[in-house]
PDB file of N, CA and C in Angstrom:
ATOM      1  N   MET A   1       0.858  -1.242   0.079  1.00  0.00           N
ATOM      2  CA  MET A   1       0.069   0.112  -0.019  1.00  0.00           C
ATOM      3  C   MET A   1       0.933   1.164  -0.055  1.00  0.00           C
ATOM      4  N   ALA A   2       0.487   2.352  -0.903  1.00  0.00           N
ATOM      5  CA  ALA A   2       1.244   3.445  -0.970  1.00  0.00           C
ATOM      6  C   ALA A   2       0.979   4.314   0.589  1.00  0.00           C
ATOM      7  N   ASP A   3       2.176   5.262   0.546  1.00  0.00           N
ATOM      8  CA  ASP A   3       2.075   6.068   2.105  1.00  0.00           C
ATOM      9  C   ASP A   3       1.184   7.221   1.626  1.00  0.00           C
ATOM     10  N   LYS A   4       0.426   7.648   2.681  1.00  0.00           N
ATOM     11  CA  LYS A   4      -0.326   8.443   2.278  1.00  0.00           C
ATOM     12  C   LYS A   4       0.159   9.811   3.294  1.00  0.00           C
ATOM     13  N   GLU A   5      -0.143  11.128   2.799  1.00  0.00           N
ATOM     14  CA  GLU A   5       0.223  12.080   3.628  1.00  0.00           C
ATOM     15  C   GLU A   5      -0.400  13.514   3.137  1.00  0.00           C
ATOM     16  N   MET A   6      -0.434  14.469   4.029  1.00  0.00           N
ATOM     17  CA  MET A   6      -1.325  15.774   3.738  1.00  0.00           C
ATOM     18  C   MET A   6      -0.180  16.744   3.371  1.00  0.00           C
ATOM     19  N   GLU A   7      -0.192  17.495   2.769  1.00  0.00           N
ATOM     20  CA  GLU A   7       0.628  18.816   2.330  1.00  0.00           C
ATOM     21  C   GLU A   7      -0.030  20.117   2.723  1.00  0.00           C
ATOM     22  N   ILE A   8       0.404  20.633   3.784  1.00  0.00           N
ATOM     23  CA  ILE A   8      -0.661  21.830   4.172  1.00  0.00           C
ATOM     24  C   ILE A   8       0.371  23.063   3.725  1.00  0.00           C
ATOM     25  N   VAL A   9      -0.244  24.187   3.016  1.00  0.00           N
ATOM     26  CA  VAL A   9       0.543  25.476   2.946  1.00  0.00           C
ATOM     27  C   VAL A   9      -0.550  26.513   3.350  1.00  0.00           C
ATOM     28  N   PHE A  10      -0.011  27.460   4.311  1.00  0.00           N
ATOM     29  CA  PHE A  10      -0.680  28.556   4.896  1.00  0.00           C
ATOM     30  C   PHE A  10       0.038  29.868   4.046  1.00  0.00           C
ATOM     31  N   LYS A  11      -0.997  30.216   3.291  1.00  0.00           N
ATOM     32  CA  LYS A  11      -0.613  31.410   2.589  1.00  0.00           C
ATOM     33  C   LYS A  11      -0.767  32.746   3.231  1.00  0.00           C
ATOM     34  N   ASN A  12      -0.081  33.675   2.699  1.00  0.00           N
ATOM     35  CA  ASN A  12      -0.031  35.288   3.337  1.00  0.00           C
ATOM     36  C   ASN A  12      -1.459  35.621   3.337  1.00  0.00           C
ATOM     37  N   ASP A  13      -2.519  35.561   2.205  1.00  0.00           N
ATOM     38  CA  ASP A  13      -3.956  36.051   2.133  1.00  0.00           C
ATOM     39  C   ASP A  13      -4.744  35.358   3.192  1.00  0.00           C
ATOM     40  N   GLY A  14      -4.256  34.472   4.185  1.00  0.00           N
ATOM     41  CA  GLY A  14      -4.950  33.906   5.104  1.00  0.00           C
ATOM     42  C   GLY A  14      -5.564  32.400   4.613  1.00  0.00           C
ATOM     43  N   THR A  15      -5.468  32.012   3.247  1.00  0.00           N
ATOM     44  CA  THR A  15      -6.118  30.885   2.872  1.00  0.00           C
ATOM     45  C   THR A  15      -4.857  29.781   3.344  1.00  0.00           C
ATOM     46  N   VAL A  16      -5.577  28.768   3.143  1.00  0.00           N
ATOM     47  CA  VAL A  16      -4.728  27.313   3.412  1.00  0.00           C
ATOM     48  C   VAL A  16      -5.294  26.337   2.192  1.00  0.00           C
ATOM     49  N   ASP A  17      -4.102  25.924   1.850  1.00  0.00           N
ATOM     50  CA  ASP A  17      -4.077  24.586   0.407  1.00  0.00           C
ATOM     51  C   ASP A  17      -3.657  23.486   1.384  1.00  0.00           C
ATOM     52  N   ILE A  18      -4.611  22.407   1.250  1.00  0.00           N
ATOM     53  CA  ILE A  18      -4.144  20.914   1.398  1.00  0.00           C
ATOM     54  C   ILE A  18      -4.149  19.830   0.306  1.00  0.00           C
ATOM     55  N   ASP A  19      -3.074  19.548   0.126  1.00  0.00           N
ATOM     56  CA  ASP A  19      -2.911  18.666  -0.718  1.00  0.00           C
ATOM     57  C   ASP A  19      -2.905  17.126  -0.124  1.00  0.00           C
ATOM     58  N   MET A  20      -3.653  16.357  -0.484  1.00  0.00           N
ATOM     59  CA  MET A  20      -3.735  14.997  -0.156  1.00  0.00           C
ATOM     60  C   MET A  20      -3.218  13.955  -1.081  1.00  0.00           C
ATOM     61  N   ILE A  21      -1.744  13.507  -0.744  1.00  0.00           N
ATOM     62  CA  ILE A  21      -1.228  12.765  -1.327  1.00  0.00           C
ATOM     63  C   ILE A  21      -1.397  11.318  -1.295  1.00  0.00           C
ATOM     64  N   GLY A  22      -1.367  10.563  -2.283  1.00  0.00           N
ATOM     65  CA  GLY A  22      -1.524   9.396  -1.871  1.00  0.00           C
ATOM     66  C   GLY A  22      -3.052   8.554  -1.506  1.00  0.00           C
ATOM     67  N   TYR A  23      -4.112   9.481  -1.559  1.00  0.00           N
ATOM     68  CA  TYR A  23      -5.266   9.202  -1.785  1.00  0.00           C
ATOM     69  C   TYR A  23      -6.166   8.979  -2.643  1.00  0.00           C
ATOM     70  N   HIS A  24      -6.992   8.342  -2.988  1.00  0.00           N
ATOM     71  CA  HIS A  24      -7.886   7.881  -4.011  1.00  0.00           C
ATOM     72  C   HIS A  24      -9.403   8.157  -3.753  1.00  0.00           C
ATOM     73  N   GLY A  25     -10.272   8.554  -4.236  1.00  0.00           N
ATOM     74  CA  GLY A  25     -11.623   8.641  -4.120  1.00  0.00           C
ATOM     75  C   GLY A  25     -12.003   9.073  -2.595  1.00  0.00           C
ATOM     76  N   LYS A  26     -13.220   8.317  -2.214  1.00  0.00           N
ATOM     77  CA  LYS A  26     -13.708   9.370  -1.292  1.00  0.00           C
ATOM     78  C   LYS A  26     -12.981   9.555   0.225  1.00  0.00           C
ATOM     79  N   GLY A  27     -11.688   8.763   0.148  1.00  0.00           N
ATOM     80  CA  GLY A  27     -10.904   8.568   1.815  1.00  0.00           C
ATOM     81  C   GLY A  27     -10.439   9.790   1.484  1.00  0.00           C
ATOM     82  N   CYS A  28     -10.083  10.558   0.606  1.00  0.00           N
ATOM     83  CA  CYS A  28      -9.752  11.877   0.832  1.00  0.00           C
ATOM     84  C   CYS A  28     -10.656  12.940   1.490  1.00  0.00           C
ATOM     85  N   THR A  29     -11.751  12.773   0.780  1.00  0.00           N
ATOM     86  CA  THR A  29     -12.791  13.709   1.286  1.00  0.00           C
ATOM     87  C   THR A  29     -13.235  13.304   3.012  1.00  0.00           C
ATOM     88  N   GLU A  30     -12.972  12.092   3.173  1.00  0.00           N
ATOM     89  CA  GLU A  30     -13.368  11.789   4.787  1.00  0.00           C
ATOM     90  C   GLU A  30     -11.991  12.349   5.617  1.00  0.00           C
ATOM     91  N   GLU A  31     -11.017  12.082   5.646  1.00  0.00           N
ATOM     92  CA  GLU A  31      -9.739  12.857   5.768  1.00  0.00           C
ATOM     93  C   GLU A  31      -9.927  14.214   6.254  1.00  0.00           C
ATOM     94  N   ILE A  32     -10.322  15.131   5.034  1.00  0.00           N
ATOM     95  CA  ILE A  32     -10.279  16.448   5.293  1.00  0.00           C
ATOM     96  C   ILE A  32     -11.403  16.954   5.886  1.00  0.00           C
ATOM     97  N   ASN A  33     -12.536  16.003   5.649  1.00  0.00           N
ATOM     98  CA  ASN A  33     -13.648  16.603   6.722  1.00  0.00           C
ATOM     99  C   ASN A  33     -13.210  16.570   8.468  1.00  0.00           C
ATOM    100  N   GLU A  34     -12.682  15.386   8.798  1.00  0.00           N
ATOM    101  CA  GLU A  34     -11.908  15.331  10.039  1.00  0.00           C
ATOM    102  C   GLU A  34     -11.353  16.265  10.196  1.00  0.00           C
ATOM    103  N   LEU A  35     -10.393  16.937   9.576  1.00  0.00           N
ATOM    104  CA  LEU A  35      -9.366  18.043   9.434  1.00  0.00           C
ATOM    105  C   LEU A  35     -10.030  19.172  10.135  1.00  0.00           C
ATOM    106  N   LEU A  36     -11.260  19.554   9.247  1.00  0.00           N
ATOM    107  CA  LEU A  36     -11.906  20.664   9.165  1.00  0.00           C
ATOM    108  C   LEU A  36     -12.645  20.764  10.373  1.00  0.00           C
ATOM    109  N   ASP A  37     -13.409  19.585  10.812  1.00  0.00           N
ATOM    110  CA  ASP A  37     -14.144  19.466  11.973  1.00  0.00           C
ATOM    111  C   ASP A  37     -13.401  19.781  13.057  1.00  0.00           C
ATOM    112  N   ALA A  38     -12.043  19.421  13.077  1.00  0.00           N
ATOM    113  CA  ALA A  38     -10.975  19.437  14.160  1.00  0.00           C
ATOM    114  C   ALA A  38     -10.798  21.130  14.580  1.00  0.00           C
ATOM    115  N   VAL A  39     -10.667  21.633  13.490  1.00  0.00           N
ATOM    116  CA  VAL A  39     -10.066  23.210  13.573  1.00  0.00           C
ATOM    117  C   VAL A  39     -11.211  24.221  13.404  1.00  0.00           C
ATOM    118  N   GLY A  40     -12.499  23.611  13.095  1.00  0.00           N
ATOM    119  CA  GLY A  40     -13.814  24.539  12.771  1.00  0.00           C
ATOM    120  C   GLY A  40     -13.553  25.306  11.585  1.00  0.00           C
ATOM    121  N   GLY A  41     -12.980  24.748  10.452  1.00  0.00           N
ATOM    122  CA  GLY A  41     -12.863  25.386   9.131  1.00  0.00           C
ATOM    123  C   GLY A  41     -13.852  25.144   8.264  1.00  0.00           C
ATOM    124  N   LYS A  42     -13.844  26.058   7.354  1.00  0.00           N
ATOM    125  CA  LYS A  42     -14.616  26.067   5.932  1.00  0.00           C
ATOM    126  C   LYS A  42     -13.584  25.725   4.988  1.00  0.00           C
ATOM    127  N   SER A  43     -14.273  25.309   3.715  1.00  0.00           N
ATOM    128  CA  SER A  43     -13.678  24.667   2.474  1.00  0.00           C
ATOM    129  C   SER A  43     -14.254  24.959   1.390  1.00  0.00           C
ATOM    130  N   LYS A  44     -13.403  25.413   0.281  1.00  0.00           N
ATOM    131  CA  LYS A  44     -13.396  25.446  -0.985  1.00  0.00           C
ATOM    132  C   LYS A  44     -12.726  24.456  -1.542  1.00  0.00           C
ATOM    133  N   ARG A  45     -13.303  23.407  -2.457  1.00  0.00           N
ATOM    134  CA  ARG A  45     -12.852  22.342  -2.766  1.00  0.00           C
ATOM    135  C   ARG A  45     -12.482  22.416  -4.193  1.00  0.00           C
ATOM    136  N   LYS A  46     -11.496  21.614  -4.475  1.00  0.00           N
ATOM    137  CA  LYS A  46     -11.000  21.382  -5.958  1.00  0.00           C
ATOM    138  C   LYS A  46     -10.356  20.030  -5.753  1.00  0.00           C
ATOM    139  N   GLN A  47     -11.130  19.221  -6.698  1.00  0.00           N
ATOM    140  CA  GLN A  47     -10.707  17.620  -6.507  1.00  0.00           C
ATOM    141  C   GLN A  47      -9.797  17.459  -7.782  1.00  0.00           C
ATOM    142  N   LYS A  48      -8.445  16.460  -7.103  1.00  0.00           N
ATOM    143  CA  LYS A  48      -7.569  16.213  -8.261  1.00  0.00           C
ATOM    144  C   LYS A  48      -8.110  15.044  -8.885  1.00  0.00           C
ATOM    145  N   GLU A  49      -7.290  14.749  -9.765  1.00  0.00           N
ATOM    146  CA  GLU A  49      -7.767  13.494 -10.903  1.00  0.00           C
ATOM    147  C   GLU A  49      -7.796  12.330 -10.024  1.00  0.00           C
ATOM    148  N   GLU A  50      -7.204  12.116  -8.952  1.00  0.00           N
ATOM    149  CA  GLU A  50      -6.889  10.921  -8.095  1.00  0.00           C
ATOM    150  C   GLU A  50      -8.337  10.939  -7.519  1.00  0.00           C
ATOM    151  N   TYR A  51      -9.160  11.733  -7.278  1.00  0.00           N
ATOM    152  CA  TYR A  51     -10.112  11.796  -6.594  1.00  0.00           C
ATOM    153  C   TYR A  51     -11.397  10.904  -7.129  1.00  0.00           C
ATOM    154  N   TYR A  52     -11.035  10.627  -8.500  1.00  0.00           N
ATOM    155  CA  TYR A  52     -12.067   9.911  -9.334  1.00  0.00           C
ATOM    156  C   TYR A  52     -11.651   8.588  -9.711  1.00  0.00           C
ATOM    157  N   GLN A  53     -10.419   8.394  -8.881  1.00  0.00           N
ATOM    158  CA  GLN A  53     -10.070   6.853  -9.120  1.00  0.00           C
ATOM    159  C   GLN A  53     -10.448   6.025  -8.121  1.00  0.00           C
ATOM    160  N   LYS A  54     -10.658   4.792  -8.470  1.00  0.00           N
ATOM    161  CA  LYS A  54     -11.271   3.671  -7.268  1.00  0.00           C
ATOM    162  C   LYS A  54     -10.028   3.327  -6.486  1.00  0.00           C
ATOM    163  N   ASP A  55     -10.256   3.005  -5.483  1.00  0.00           N
ATOM    164  CA  ASP A  55      -9.358   2.258  -4.538  1.00  0.00           C
ATOM    165  C   ASP A  55      -9.249   0.966  -5.237  1.00  0.00           C
ATOM    166  N   LYS A  56      -7.728   0.458  -5.131  1.00  0.00           N
ATOM    167  CA  LYS A  56      -7.518  -0.853  -5.883  1.00  0.00           C
ATOM    168  C   LYS A  56      -7.932  -1.744  -4.501  1.00  0.00           C
ATOM    169  N   VAL A  57      -8.370  -3.123  -5.096  1.00  0.00           N
ATOM    170  CA  VAL A  57      -8.809  -3.963  -3.945  1.00  0.00           C
ATOM    171  C   VAL A  57      -7.803  -5.207  -4.410  1.00  0.00           C
ATOM    172  N   GLN A  58      -7.056  -5.731  -3.527  1.00  0.00           N
ATOM    173  CA  GLN A  58      -6.362  -6.818  -4.007  1.00  0.00           C
ATOM    174  C   GLN A  58      -7.182  -8.393  -3.454  1.00  0.00           C
ATOM    175  N   ILE A  59      -7.352  -9.128  -4.293  1.00  0.00           N
ATOM    176  CA  ILE A  59      -7.899 -10.405  -4.033  1.00  0.00           C
ATOM    177  C   ILE A  59      -7.016 -11.453  -4.182  1.00  0.00           C
ATOM    178  N   GLN A  60      -6.795 -12.614  -3.271  1.00  0.00           N
ATOM    179  CA  GLN A  60      -6.011 -13.645  -3.047  1.00  0.00           C
ATOM    180  C   GLN A  60      -6.825 -15.176  -3.110  1.00  0.00           C
ATOM    181  N   GLN A  61      -6.494 -15.886  -4.123  1.00  0.00           N
ATOM    182  CA  GLN A  61      -7.208 -17.189  -4.016  1.00  0.00           C
ATOM    183  C   GLN A  61      -6.305 -17.985  -3.799  1.00  0.00           C
ATOM    184  N   LYS A  62      -6.852 -19.062  -2.703  1.00  0.00           N
ATOM    185  CA  LYS A  62      -6.032 -19.971  -2.340  1.00  0.00           C
ATOM    186  C   LYS A  62      -6.363 -21.503  -3.300  1.00  0.00           C
ATOM    187  N   ARG A  63      -5.078 -22.044  -3.672  1.00  0.00           N
ATOM    188  CA  ARG A  63      -5.381 -23.334  -4.596  1.00  0.00           C
ATOM    189  C   ARG A  63      -4.982 -24.388  -4.130  1.00  0.00           C
ATOM    190  N   ASN A  64      -5.654 -25.369  -4.069  1.00  0.00           N
ATOM    191  CA  ASN A  64      -5.431 -26.866  -3.273  1.00  0.00           C
ATOM    192  C   ASN A  64      -4.761 -27.724  -4.143  1.00  0.00           C
TER     193      ASN A  64
END
């Protein structure tokens, strides 16, 4: 599984950019919501291409 991280940039105009690296699909949205709830923030969102990708599920089958 790939590492996941948040890159947070505080700008001089008071805005904050959060880049969710390694997230795909709605997992990113859930993490952002938890962060915003914790700090009492509001957001204007712009989804990256990764948001629209499905999470990969790995299935292993045992052979007898």
